[in-house]
């Protein structure tokens, strides 16, 4: 075994294990079935149903980041991955908010 075989590059993702993937899969299936049931069996008011759908979507997003993308802050590289992800979210927010602002402004100016 050479020296290069002993040193594995740190991508910041940690060790990938089957129990983590299995727990993530089960949690995501539950978080998919819960809003599906809330919509198909409307026992809640519409505003509560929308809240259930958005809460389940946000929880599923966070679980997928942690379980499948292995996004964490255990090492320096993992923290850099987290910062890169936060920057991507910020840029995405600026692009979407700016586009909506421009479209609203154009709509207002066309109507008046």
PDB file of N, CA and C in Angstrom:
ATOM      1  N   UNK A   1       0.838  -1.161   0.000  1.00  0.00           N
ATOM      2  CA  UNK A   1       0.000   0.000   0.000  1.00  0.00           C
ATOM      3  C   UNK A   1       0.890   1.233   0.000  1.00  0.00           C
ATOM      4  N   UNK A   2       0.636   2.142  -0.920  1.00  0.00           N
ATOM      5  CA  UNK A   2       1.456   3.342  -1.018  1.00  0.00           C
ATOM      6  C   UNK A   2       0.921   4.438  -0.097  1.00  0.00           C
ATOM      7  N   UNK A   3       1.703   5.500   0.029  1.00  0.00           N
ATOM      8  CA  UNK A   3       1.317   6.614   0.894  1.00  0.00           C
ATOM      9  C   UNK A   3       0.056   7.306   0.359  1.00  0.00           C
ATOM     10  N   UNK A   4      -0.100   7.364  -0.964  1.00  0.00           N
ATOM     11  CA  UNK A   4      -1.276   8.024  -1.529  1.00  0.00           C
ATOM     12  C   UNK A   4      -2.553   7.238  -1.258  1.00  0.00           C
ATOM     13  N   UNK A   5      -2.459   5.918  -1.063  1.00  0.00           N
ATOM     14  CA  UNK A   5      -3.627   5.113  -0.739  1.00  0.00           C
ATOM     15  C   UNK A   5      -4.109   5.364   0.683  1.00  0.00           C
ATOM     16  N   UNK A   6      -3.206   5.733   1.586  1.00  0.00           N
ATOM     17  CA  UNK A   6      -3.581   5.964   2.978  1.00  0.00           C
ATOM     18  C   UNK A   6      -4.327   7.282   3.157  1.00  0.00           C
ATOM     19  N   UNK A   7      -4.007   8.275   2.365  1.00  0.00           N
ATOM     20  CA  UNK A   7      -4.631   9.582   2.513  1.00  0.00           C
ATOM     21  C   UNK A   7      -5.784   9.731   1.532  1.00  0.00           C
ATOM     22  N   UNK A   8      -6.997   9.673   2.054  1.00  0.00           N
ATOM     23  CA  UNK A   8      -8.179   9.881   1.224  1.00  0.00           C
ATOM     24  C   UNK A   8      -8.521  11.365   1.226  1.00  0.00           C
ATOM     25  N   UNK A   9      -8.889  11.920   0.089  1.00  0.00           N
ATOM     26  CA  UNK A   9      -9.256  13.342   0.071  1.00  0.00           C
ATOM     27  C   UNK A   9     -10.525  13.591   0.887  1.00  0.00           C
ATOM     28  N   UNK A  10     -10.556  14.725   1.556  1.00  0.00           N
ATOM     29  CA  UNK A  10     -11.716  15.089   2.362  1.00  0.00           C
ATOM     30  C   UNK A  10     -12.662  15.923   1.518  1.00  0.00           C
ATOM     31  N   UNK A  11     -13.805  15.337   1.185  1.00  0.00           N
ATOM     32  CA  UNK A  11     -14.815  16.071   0.447  1.00  0.00           C
ATOM     33  C   UNK A  11     -15.857  16.663   1.383  1.00  0.00           C
ATOM     34  N   UNK A  12     -15.714  16.429   2.690  1.00  0.00           N
ATOM     35  CA  UNK A  12     -16.613  16.982   3.672  1.00  0.00           C
ATOM     36  C   UNK A  12     -17.937  16.271   3.797  1.00  0.00           C
ATOM     37  N   UNK A  13     -18.071  15.085   3.213  1.00  0.00           N
ATOM     38  CA  UNK A  13     -19.353  14.391   3.251  1.00  0.00           C
ATOM     39  C   UNK A  13     -19.443  13.343   4.342  1.00  0.00           C
ATOM     40  N   UNK A  14     -18.341  13.002   4.959  1.00  0.00           N
ATOM     41  CA  UNK A  14     -18.378  11.992   6.006  1.00  0.00           C
ATOM     42  C   UNK A  14     -18.551  10.600   5.438  1.00  0.00           C
ATOM     43  N   UNK A  15     -18.726   9.656   6.334  1.00  0.00           N
ATOM     44  CA  UNK A  15     -18.868   8.260   5.925  1.00  0.00           C
ATOM     45  C   UNK A  15     -20.307   7.976   5.524  1.00  0.00           C
ATOM     46  N   UNK A  16     -20.472   7.359   4.386  1.00  0.00           N
ATOM     47  CA  UNK A  16     -21.802   7.013   3.900  1.00  0.00           C
ATOM     48  C   UNK A  16     -22.148   5.616   4.398  1.00  0.00           C
ATOM     49  N   UNK A  17     -23.246   5.518   5.141  1.00  0.00           N
ATOM     50  CA  UNK A  17     -23.653   4.225   5.691  1.00  0.00           C
ATOM     51  C   UNK A  17     -25.084   3.904   5.272  1.00  0.00           C
ATOM     52  N   UNK A  18     -25.384   2.629   5.223  1.00  0.00           N
ATOM     53  CA  UNK A  18     -26.712   2.172   4.827  1.00  0.00           C
ATOM     54  C   UNK A  18     -27.787   2.631   5.818  1.00  0.00           C
ATOM     55  N   UNK A  19     -27.563   2.571   7.145  1.00  0.00           N
ATOM     56  CA  UNK A  19     -28.630   3.030   8.055  1.00  0.00           C
ATOM     57  C   UNK A  19     -29.029   4.492   7.853  1.00  0.00           C
ATOM     58  N   UNK A  20     -28.077   5.347   7.510  1.00  0.00           N
ATOM     59  CA  UNK A  20     -28.405   6.761   7.270  1.00  0.00           C
ATOM     60  C   UNK A  20     -29.280   6.885   6.025  1.00  0.00           C
ATOM     61  N   UNK A  21     -28.916   6.186   4.966  1.00  0.00           N
ATOM     62  CA  UNK A  21     -29.722   6.222   3.743  1.00  0.00           C
ATOM     63  C   UNK A  21     -31.100   5.604   3.977  1.00  0.00           C
ATOM     64  N   UNK A  22     -31.173   4.521   4.740  1.00  0.00           N
ATOM     65  CA  UNK A  22     -32.444   3.867   5.023  1.00  0.00           C
ATOM     66  C   UNK A  22     -33.347   4.770   5.850  1.00  0.00           C
ATOM     67  N   UNK A  23     -32.790   5.407   6.882  1.00  0.00           N
ATOM     68  CA  UNK A  23     -33.579   6.328   7.714  1.00  0.00           C
ATOM     69  C   UNK A  23     -34.066   7.513   6.878  1.00  0.00           C
ATOM     70  N   UNK A  24     -33.211   8.036   6.010  1.00  0.00           N
ATOM     71  CA  UNK A  24     -33.616   9.136   5.140  1.00  0.00           C
ATOM     72  C   UNK A  24     -34.723   8.739   4.184  1.00  0.00           C
ATOM     73  N   UNK A  25     -34.619   7.550   3.632  1.00  0.00           N
ATOM     74  CA  UNK A  25     -35.641   7.069   2.698  1.00  0.00           C
ATOM     75  C   UNK A  25     -36.973   6.898   3.407  1.00  0.00           C
ATOM     76  N   UNK A  26     -36.972   6.292   4.583  1.00  0.00           N
ATOM     77  CA  UNK A  26     -38.213   6.081   5.339  1.00  0.00           C
ATOM     78  C   UNK A  26     -38.830   7.424   5.728  1.00  0.00           C
ATOM     79  N   UNK A  27     -38.001   8.350   6.206  1.00  0.00           N
ATOM     80  CA  UNK A  27     -38.517   9.665   6.590  1.00  0.00           C
ATOM     81  C   UNK A  27     -39.103  10.396   5.386  1.00  0.00           C
ATOM     82  N   UNK A  28     -38.452  10.301   4.237  1.00  0.00           N
ATOM     83  CA  UNK A  28     -38.951  10.976   3.035  1.00  0.00           C
ATOM     84  C   UNK A  28     -40.248  10.352   2.536  1.00  0.00           C
ATOM     85  N   UNK A  29     -40.381   9.049   2.642  1.00  0.00           N
ATOM     86  CA  UNK A  29     -41.628   8.392   2.236  1.00  0.00           C
ATOM     87  C   UNK A  29     -42.766   8.847   3.147  1.00  0.00           C
ATOM     88  N   UNK A  30     -42.514   8.905   4.451  1.00  0.00           N
ATOM     89  CA  UNK A  30     -43.536   9.368   5.396  1.00  0.00           C
ATOM     90  C   UNK A  30     -43.901  10.821   5.111  1.00  0.00           C
ATOM     91  N   UNK A  31     -42.877  11.639   4.844  1.00  0.00           N
ATOM     92  CA  UNK A  31     -43.138  13.056   4.574  1.00  0.00           C
ATOM     93  C   UNK A  31     -43.745  13.292   3.192  1.00  0.00           C
ATOM     94  N   UNK A  32     -43.792  12.280   2.363  1.00  0.00           N
ATOM     95  CA  UNK A  32     -44.510  12.367   1.101  1.00  0.00           C
ATOM     96  C   UNK A  32     -45.957  11.917   1.286  1.00  0.00           C
ATOM     97  N   UNK A  33     -46.155  10.864   2.060  1.00  0.00           N
ATOM     98  CA  UNK A  33     -47.499  10.334   2.271  1.00  0.00           C
ATOM     99  C   UNK A  33     -48.355  11.233   3.162  1.00  0.00           C
ATOM    100  N   UNK A  34     -47.742  11.930   4.101  1.00  0.00           N
ATOM    101  CA  UNK A  34     -48.482  12.796   5.016  1.00  0.00           C
ATOM    102  C   UNK A  34     -49.215  13.922   4.275  1.00  0.00           C
ATOM    103  N   UNK A  35     -48.544  14.721   3.437  1.00  0.00           N
ATOM    104  CA  UNK A  35     -49.303  15.740   2.709  1.00  0.00           C
ATOM    105  C   UNK A  35     -50.270  15.149   1.676  1.00  0.00           C
ATOM    106  N   UNK A  36     -49.892  14.003   1.107  1.00  0.00           N
ATOM    107  CA  UNK A  36     -50.800  13.345   0.160  1.00  0.00           C
ATOM    108  C   UNK A  36     -52.106  12.991   0.853  1.00  0.00           C
ATOM    109  N   UNK A  37     -52.007  12.435   2.053  1.00  0.00           N
ATOM    110  CA  UNK A  37     -53.205  12.089   2.815  1.00  0.00           C
ATOM    111  C   UNK A  37     -53.981  13.336   3.225  1.00  0.00           C
ATOM    112  N   UNK A  38     -53.256  14.404   3.577  1.00  0.00           N
ATOM    113  CA  UNK A  38     -53.925  15.645   3.979  1.00  0.00           C
ATOM    114  C   UNK A  38     -54.713  16.253   2.822  1.00  0.00           C
ATOM    115  N   UNK A  39     -54.230  16.085   1.599  1.00  0.00           N
ATOM    116  CA  UNK A  39     -54.930  16.637   0.439  1.00  0.00           C
ATOM    117  C   UNK A  39     -56.059  15.714  -0.001  1.00  0.00           C
ATOM    118  N   UNK A  40     -55.818  14.412   0.008  1.00  0.00           N
ATOM    119  CA  UNK A  40     -56.827  13.469  -0.479  1.00  0.00           C
ATOM    120  C   UNK A  40     -57.984  13.280   0.509  1.00  0.00           C
ATOM    121  N   UNK A  41     -57.713  13.420   1.804  1.00  0.00           N
ATOM    122  CA  UNK A  41     -58.753  13.319   2.837  1.00  0.00           C
ATOM    123  C   UNK A  41     -58.855  14.676   3.528  1.00  0.00           C
ATOM    124  N   UNK A  42     -59.594  15.608   2.965  1.00  0.00           N
ATOM    125  CA  UNK A  42     -59.593  16.977   3.499  1.00  0.00           C
ATOM    126  C   UNK A  42     -60.352  17.102   4.823  1.00  0.00           C
ATOM    127  N   UNK A  43     -59.704  16.718   5.919  1.00  0.00           N
ATOM    128  CA  UNK A  43     -60.308  16.880   7.239  1.00  0.00           C
ATOM    129  C   UNK A  43     -59.842  18.184   7.895  1.00  0.00           C
ATOM    130  N   UNK A  44     -58.799  18.787   7.356  1.00  0.00           N
ATOM    131  CA  UNK A  44     -58.289  20.053   7.866  1.00  0.00           C
ATOM    132  C   UNK A  44     -58.804  21.191   6.993  1.00  0.00           C
ATOM    133  N   UNK A  45     -58.854  22.406   7.544  1.00  0.00           N
ATOM    134  CA  UNK A  45     -59.198  23.546   6.679  1.00  0.00           C
ATOM    135  C   UNK A  45     -58.116  23.758   5.611  1.00  0.00           C
ATOM    136  N   UNK A  46     -58.464  24.413   4.510  1.00  0.00           N
ATOM    137  CA  UNK A  46     -57.494  24.579   3.413  1.00  0.00           C
ATOM    138  C   UNK A  46     -56.193  25.253   3.844  1.00  0.00           C
ATOM    139  N   UNK A  47     -56.251  26.239   4.715  1.00  0.00           N
ATOM    140  CA  UNK A  47     -55.016  26.910   5.150  1.00  0.00           C
ATOM    141  C   UNK A  47     -54.127  25.962   5.943  1.00  0.00           C
ATOM    142  N   UNK A  48     -54.715  25.102   6.756  1.00  0.00           N
ATOM    143  CA  UNK A  48     -53.925  24.124   7.512  1.00  0.00           C
ATOM    144  C   UNK A  48     -53.339  23.067   6.587  1.00  0.00           C
ATOM    145  N   UNK A  49     -54.081  22.690   5.560  1.00  0.00           N
ATOM    146  CA  UNK A  49     -53.573  21.721   4.589  1.00  0.00           C
ATOM    147  C   UNK A  49     -52.362  22.281   3.853  1.00  0.00           C
ATOM    148  N   UNK A  50     -52.442  23.550   3.465  1.00  0.00           N
ATOM    149  CA  UNK A  50     -51.294  24.186   2.812  1.00  0.00           C
ATOM    150  C   UNK A  50     -50.109  24.227   3.763  1.00  0.00           C
ATOM    151  N   UNK A  51     -50.369  24.502   5.043  1.00  0.00           N
ATOM    152  CA  UNK A  51     -49.301  24.503   6.041  1.00  0.00           C
ATOM    153  C   UNK A  51     -48.655  23.133   6.191  1.00  0.00           C
ATOM    154  N   UNK A  52     -49.459  22.079   6.183  1.00  0.00           N
ATOM    155  CA  UNK A  52     -48.931  20.719   6.276  1.00  0.00           C
ATOM    156  C   UNK A  52     -48.054  20.399   5.068  1.00  0.00           C
ATOM    157  N   UNK A  53     -48.508  20.780   3.872  1.00  0.00           N
ATOM    158  CA  UNK A  53     -47.750  20.497   2.654  1.00  0.00           C
ATOM    159  C   UNK A  53     -46.408  21.221   2.669  1.00  0.00           C
ATOM    160  N   UNK A  54     -46.418  22.519   3.008  1.00  0.00           N
ATOM    161  CA  UNK A  54     -45.168  23.277   3.009  1.00  0.00           C
ATOM    162  C   UNK A  54     -44.227  22.846   4.126  1.00  0.00           C
ATOM    163  N   UNK A  55     -44.766  22.516   5.299  1.00  0.00           N
ATOM    164  CA  UNK A  55     -43.925  22.048   6.405  1.00  0.00           C
ATOM    165  C   UNK A  55     -43.285  20.710   6.064  1.00  0.00           C
ATOM    166  N   UNK A  56     -44.056  19.801   5.478  1.00  0.00           N
ATOM    167  CA  UNK A  56     -43.501  18.505   5.080  1.00  0.00           C
ATOM    168  C   UNK A  56     -42.451  18.668   3.989  1.00  0.00           C
ATOM    169  N   UNK A  57     -42.675  19.599   3.057  1.00  0.00           N
ATOM    170  CA  UNK A  57     -41.697  19.833   1.995  1.00  0.00           C
ATOM    171  C   UNK A  57     -40.397  20.384   2.567  1.00  0.00           C
ATOM    172  N   UNK A  58     -40.496  21.322   3.494  1.00  0.00           N
ATOM    173  CA  UNK A  58     -39.297  21.881   4.118  1.00  0.00           C
ATOM    174  C   UNK A  58     -38.552  20.825   4.932  1.00  0.00           C
ATOM    175  N   UNK A  59     -39.291  20.021   5.695  1.00  0.00           N
ATOM    176  CA  UNK A  59     -38.658  18.954   6.477  1.00  0.00           C
ATOM    177  C   UNK A  59     -37.987  17.936   5.564  1.00  0.00           C
ATOM    178  N   UNK A  60     -38.642  17.597   4.468  1.00  0.00           N
ATOM    179  CA  UNK A  60     -38.055  16.640   3.529  1.00  0.00           C
ATOM    180  C   UNK A  60     -36.802  17.212   2.877  1.00  0.00           C
ATOM    181  N   UNK A  61     -36.802  18.489   2.573  1.00  0.00           N
ATOM    182  CA  UNK A  61     -35.626  19.151   2.003  1.00  0.00           C
ATOM    183  C   UNK A  61     -34.450  19.072   2.968  1.00  0.00           C
ATOM    184  N   UNK A  62     -34.691  19.354   4.230  1.00  0.00           N
ATOM    185  CA  UNK A  62     -33.625  19.316   5.233  1.00  0.00           C
ATOM    186  C   UNK A  62     -33.117  17.891   5.434  1.00  0.00           C
ATOM    187  N   UNK A  63     -34.023  16.920   5.473  1.00  0.00           N
ATOM    188  CA  UNK A  63     -33.618  15.525   5.635  1.00  0.00           C
ATOM    189  C   UNK A  63     -32.792  15.068   4.438  1.00  0.00           C
ATOM    190  N   UNK A  64     -33.177  15.458   3.236  1.00  0.00           N
ATOM    191  CA  UNK A  64     -32.418  15.058   2.056  1.00  0.00           C
ATOM    192  C   UNK A  64     -31.037  15.696   2.037  1.00  0.00           C
ATOM    193  N   UNK A  65     -30.926  16.933   2.507  1.00  0.00           N
ATOM    194  CA  UNK A  65     -29.606  17.562   2.605  1.00  0.00           C
ATOM    195  C   UNK A  65     -28.708  16.805   3.576  1.00  0.00           C
ATOM    196  N   UNK A  66     -29.263  16.409   4.699  1.00  0.00           N
ATOM    197  CA  UNK A  66     -28.461  15.737   5.717  1.00  0.00           C
ATOM    198  C   UNK A  66     -28.170  14.279   5.403  1.00  0.00           C
ATOM    199  N   UNK A  67     -29.182  13.552   4.960  1.00  0.00           N
ATOM    200  CA  UNK A  67     -29.014  12.107   4.771  1.00  0.00           C
ATOM    201  C   UNK A  67     -28.407  11.727   3.422  1.00  0.00           C
ATOM    202  N   UNK A  68     -28.813  12.389   2.364  1.00  0.00           N
ATOM    203  CA  UNK A  68     -28.371  11.971   1.041  1.00  0.00           C
ATOM    204  C   UNK A  68     -27.206  12.795   0.517  1.00  0.00           C
ATOM    205  N   UNK A  69     -27.225  14.102   0.733  1.00  0.00           N
ATOM    206  CA  UNK A  69     -26.104  14.936   0.291  1.00  0.00           C
ATOM    207  C   UNK A  69     -25.006  15.030   1.339  1.00  0.00           C
ATOM    208  N   UNK A  70     -25.288  14.518   2.545  1.00  0.00           N
ATOM    209  CA  UNK A  70     -24.319  14.507   3.652  1.00  0.00           C
ATOM    210  C   UNK A  70     -23.801  15.917   3.933  1.00  0.00           C
ATOM    211  N   UNK A  71     -24.679  16.903   3.888  1.00  0.00           N
ATOM    212  CA  UNK A  71     -24.290  18.286   4.159  1.00  0.00           C
ATOM    213  C   UNK A  71     -24.231  18.469   5.674  1.00  0.00           C
ATOM    214  N   UNK A  72     -23.043  18.739   6.197  1.00  0.00           N
ATOM    215  CA  UNK A  72     -22.846  18.895   7.634  1.00  0.00           C
ATOM    216  C   UNK A  72     -21.742  19.910   7.873  1.00  0.00           C
ATOM    217  N   UNK A  73     -21.352  20.068   9.122  1.00  0.00           N
ATOM    218  CA  UNK A  73     -20.272  21.010   9.433  1.00  0.00           C
ATOM    219  C   UNK A  73     -19.227  20.375  10.353  1.00  0.00           C
ATOM    220  N   UNK A  74     -18.914  19.113  10.125  1.00  0.00           N
ATOM    221  CA  UNK A  74     -17.969  18.392  10.976  1.00  0.00           C
ATOM    222  C   UNK A  74     -16.515  18.700  10.661  1.00  0.00           C
ATOM    223  N   UNK A  75     -16.191  18.985   9.419  1.00  0.00           N
ATOM    224  CA  UNK A  75     -14.808  19.265   9.026  1.00  0.00           C
ATOM    225  C   UNK A  75     -14.744  20.619   8.323  1.00  0.00           C
ATOM    226  N   UNK A  76     -13.523  21.074   8.074  1.00  0.00           N
ATOM    227  CA  UNK A  76     -13.363  22.352   7.369  1.00  0.00           C
ATOM    228  C   UNK A  76     -13.957  22.290   5.966  1.00  0.00           C
ATOM    229  N   UNK A  77     -13.732  21.198   5.269  1.00  0.00           N
ATOM    230  CA  UNK A  77     -14.281  21.051   3.916  1.00  0.00           C
ATOM    231  C   UNK A  77     -15.809  21.009   3.968  1.00  0.00           C
ATOM    232  N   UNK A  78     -16.381  20.363   4.977  1.00  0.00           N
ATOM    233  CA  UNK A  78     -17.834  20.307   5.110  1.00  0.00           C
ATOM    234  C   UNK A  78     -18.399  21.701   5.362  1.00  0.00           C
ATOM    235  N   UNK A  79     -17.686  22.516   6.143  1.00  0.00           N
ATOM    236  CA  UNK A  79     -18.128  23.894   6.375  1.00  0.00           C
ATOM    237  C   UNK A  79     -18.056  24.706   5.081  1.00  0.00           C
ATOM    238  N   UNK A  80     -17.035  24.466   4.284  1.00  0.00           N
ATOM    239  CA  UNK A  80     -16.948  25.140   2.987  1.00  0.00           C
ATOM    240  C   UNK A  80     -18.103  24.711   2.074  1.00  0.00           C
ATOM    241  N   UNK A  81     -18.457  23.428   2.125  1.00  0.00           N
ATOM    242  CA  UNK A  81     -19.604  22.946   1.351  1.00  0.00           C
ATOM    243  C   UNK A  81     -20.883  23.652   1.795  1.00  0.00           C
ATOM    244  N   UNK A  82     -21.033  23.823   3.114  1.00  0.00           N
ATOM    245  CA  UNK A  82     -22.213  24.485   3.658  1.00  0.00           C
ATOM    246  C   UNK A  82     -22.252  25.958   3.222  1.00  0.00           C
ATOM    247  N   UNK A  83     -21.108  26.622   3.241  1.00  0.00           N
ATOM    248  CA  UNK A  83     -21.053  28.020   2.811  1.00  0.00           C
ATOM    249  C   UNK A  83     -21.369  28.148   1.320  1.00  0.00           C
ATOM    250  N   UNK A  84     -20.873  27.221   0.526  1.00  0.00           N
ATOM    251  CA  UNK A  84     -21.172  27.237  -0.912  1.00  0.00           C
ATOM    252  C   UNK A  84     -22.662  27.034  -1.155  1.00  0.00           C
ATOM    253  N   UNK A  85     -23.248  26.142  -0.397  1.00  0.00           N
ATOM    254  CA  UNK A  85     -24.679  25.891  -0.527  1.00  0.00           C
ATOM    255  C   UNK A  85     -25.481  27.130  -0.119  1.00  0.00           C
ATOM    256  N   UNK A  86     -25.079  27.789   0.973  1.00  0.00           N
ATOM    257  CA  UNK A  86     -25.769  29.001   1.421  1.00  0.00           C
ATOM    258  C   UNK A  86     -25.652  30.106   0.369  1.00  0.00           C
ATOM    259  N   UNK A  87     -24.499  30.239  -0.249  1.00  0.00           N
ATOM    260  CA  UNK A  87     -24.321  31.235  -1.310  1.00  0.00           C
ATOM    261  C   UNK A  87     -25.220  30.921  -2.500  1.00  0.00           C
ATOM    262  N   UNK A  88     -25.335  29.650  -2.859  1.00  0.00           N
ATOM    263  CA  UNK A  88     -26.225  29.263  -3.961  1.00  0.00           C
ATOM    264  C   UNK A  88     -27.675  29.613  -3.636  1.00  0.00           C
ATOM    265  N   UNK A  89     -28.100  29.351  -2.392  1.00  0.00           N
ATOM    266  CA  UNK A  89     -29.461  29.703  -1.998  1.00  0.00           C
ATOM    267  C   UNK A  89     -29.678  31.209  -2.050  1.00  0.00           C
ATOM    268  N   UNK A  90     -28.690  31.991  -1.610  1.00  0.00           N
ATOM    269  CA  UNK A  90     -28.804  33.446  -1.642  1.00  0.00           C
ATOM    270  C   UNK A  90     -28.921  33.954  -3.077  1.00  0.00           C
ATOM    271  N   UNK A  91     -28.086  33.450  -3.959  1.00  0.00           N
ATOM    272  CA  UNK A  91     -28.138  33.861  -5.363  1.00  0.00           C
ATOM    273  C   UNK A  91     -29.474  33.472  -5.985  1.00  0.00           C
ATOM    274  N   UNK A  92     -29.961  32.283  -5.662  1.00  0.00           N
ATOM    275  CA  UNK A  92     -31.259  31.839  -6.167  1.00  0.00           C
ATOM    276  C   UNK A  92     -32.368  32.759  -5.665  1.00  0.00           C
ATOM    277  N   UNK A  93     -32.322  33.125  -4.389  1.00  0.00           N
ATOM    278  CA  UNK A  93     -33.319  34.040  -3.829  1.00  0.00           C
ATOM    279  C   UNK A  93     -33.275  35.393  -4.528  1.00  0.00           C
ATOM    280  N   UNK A  94     -32.083  35.936  -4.740  1.00  0.00           N
ATOM    281  CA  UNK A  94     -31.950  37.242  -5.397  1.00  0.00           C
ATOM    282  C   UNK A  94     -32.486  37.176  -6.822  1.00  0.00           C
ATOM    283  N   UNK A  95     -32.186  36.124  -7.545  1.00  0.00           N
ATOM    284  CA  UNK A  95     -32.676  35.986  -8.926  1.00  0.00           C
ATOM    285  C   UNK A  95     -34.199  35.890  -8.981  1.00  0.00           C
ATOM    286  N   UNK A  96     -34.771  35.075  -8.102  1.00  0.00           N
ATOM    287  CA  UNK A  96     -36.230  34.901  -8.117  1.00  0.00           C
ATOM    288  C   UNK A  96     -36.920  36.168  -7.643  1.00  0.00           C
ATOM    289  N   UNK A  97     -36.458  36.759  -6.531  1.00  0.00           N
ATOM    290  CA  UNK A  97     -37.085  37.979  -6.014  1.00  0.00           C
ATOM    291  C   UNK A  97     -36.944  39.127  -7.017  1.00  0.00           C
ATOM    292  N   UNK A  98     -35.780  39.267  -7.631  1.00  0.00           N
ATOM    293  CA  UNK A  98     -35.590  40.311  -8.629  1.00  0.00           C
ATOM    294  C   UNK A  98     -36.472  40.117  -9.839  1.00  0.00           C
ATOM    295  N   UNK A  99     -36.612  38.883 -10.290  1.00  0.00           N
ATOM    296  CA  UNK A  99     -37.476  38.605 -11.442  1.00  0.00           C
ATOM    297  C   UNK A  99     -38.932  38.920 -11.119  1.00  0.00           C
ATOM    298  N   UNK A 100     -39.383  38.528  -9.935  1.00  0.00           N
ATOM    299  CA  UNK A 100     -40.761  38.836  -9.544  1.00  0.00           C
ATOM    300  C   UNK A 100     -40.980  40.339  -9.417  1.00  0.00           C
ATOM    301  N   UNK A 101     -39.990  41.041  -8.885  1.00  0.00           N
ATOM    302  CA  UNK A 101     -40.089  42.498  -8.748  1.00  0.00           C
ATOM    303  C   UNK A 101     -40.188  43.159 -10.121  1.00  0.00           C
ATOM    304  N   UNK A 102     -39.348  42.715 -11.051  1.00  0.00           N
ATOM    305  CA  UNK A 102     -39.374  43.274 -12.403  1.00  0.00           C
ATOM    306  C   UNK A 102     -40.702  42.969 -13.085  1.00  0.00           C
ATOM    307  N   UNK A 103     -41.196  41.742 -12.943  1.00  0.00           N
ATOM    308  CA  UNK A 103     -42.464  41.397 -13.590  1.00  0.00           C
ATOM    309  C   UNK A 103     -43.621  42.183 -12.991  1.00  0.00           C
ATOM    310  N   UNK A 104     -43.614  42.396 -11.686  1.00  0.00           N
ATOM    311  CA  UNK A 104     -44.671  43.176 -11.048  1.00  0.00           C
ATOM    312  C   UNK A 104     -44.601  44.622 -11.502  1.00  0.00           C
ATOM    313  N   UNK A 105     -43.409  45.162 -11.595  1.00  0.00           N
ATOM    314  CA  UNK A 105     -43.232  46.537 -12.041  1.00  0.00           C
ATOM    315  C   UNK A 105     -43.688  46.697 -13.501  1.00  0.00           C
ATOM    316  N   UNK A 106     -43.335  45.744 -14.339  1.00  0.00           N
ATOM    317  CA  UNK A 106     -43.774  45.799 -15.736  1.00  0.00           C
ATOM    318  C   UNK A 106     -45.296  45.694 -15.836  1.00  0.00           C
ATOM    319  N   UNK A 107     -45.891  44.838 -15.044  1.00  0.00           N
ATOM    320  CA  UNK A 107     -47.337  44.686 -15.051  1.00  0.00           C
ATOM    321  C   UNK A 107     -48.008  45.985 -14.628  1.00  0.00           C
ATOM    322  N   UNK A 108     -47.481  46.614 -13.595  1.00  0.00           N
ATOM    323  CA  UNK A 108     -48.052  47.884 -13.125  1.00  0.00           C
ATOM    324  C   UNK A 108     -47.915  48.955 -14.198  1.00  0.00           C
ATOM    325  N   UNK A 109     -46.736  49.051 -14.809  1.00  0.00           N
ATOM    326  CA  UNK A 109     -46.493  50.078 -15.819  1.00  0.00           C
ATOM    327  C   UNK A 109     -47.318  49.854 -17.095  1.00  0.00           C
ATOM    328  N   UNK A 110     -47.599  48.601 -17.420  1.00  0.00           N
ATOM    329  CA  UNK A 110     -48.426  48.315 -18.599  1.00  0.00           C
ATOM    330  C   UNK A 110     -49.888  48.686 -18.350  1.00  0.00           C
ATOM    331  N   UNK A 111     -50.337  48.532 -17.088  1.00  0.00           N
ATOM    332  CA  UNK A 111     -51.722  48.804 -16.760  1.00  0.00           C
ATOM    333  C   UNK A 111     -51.986  50.296 -16.572  1.00  0.00           C
ATOM    334  N   UNK A 112     -50.964  51.079 -16.258  1.00  0.00           N
ATOM    335  CA  UNK A 112     -51.178  52.500 -15.976  1.00  0.00           C
ATOM    336  C   UNK A 112     -50.508  53.355 -17.003  1.00  0.00           C
TER     337      UNK A 112
END
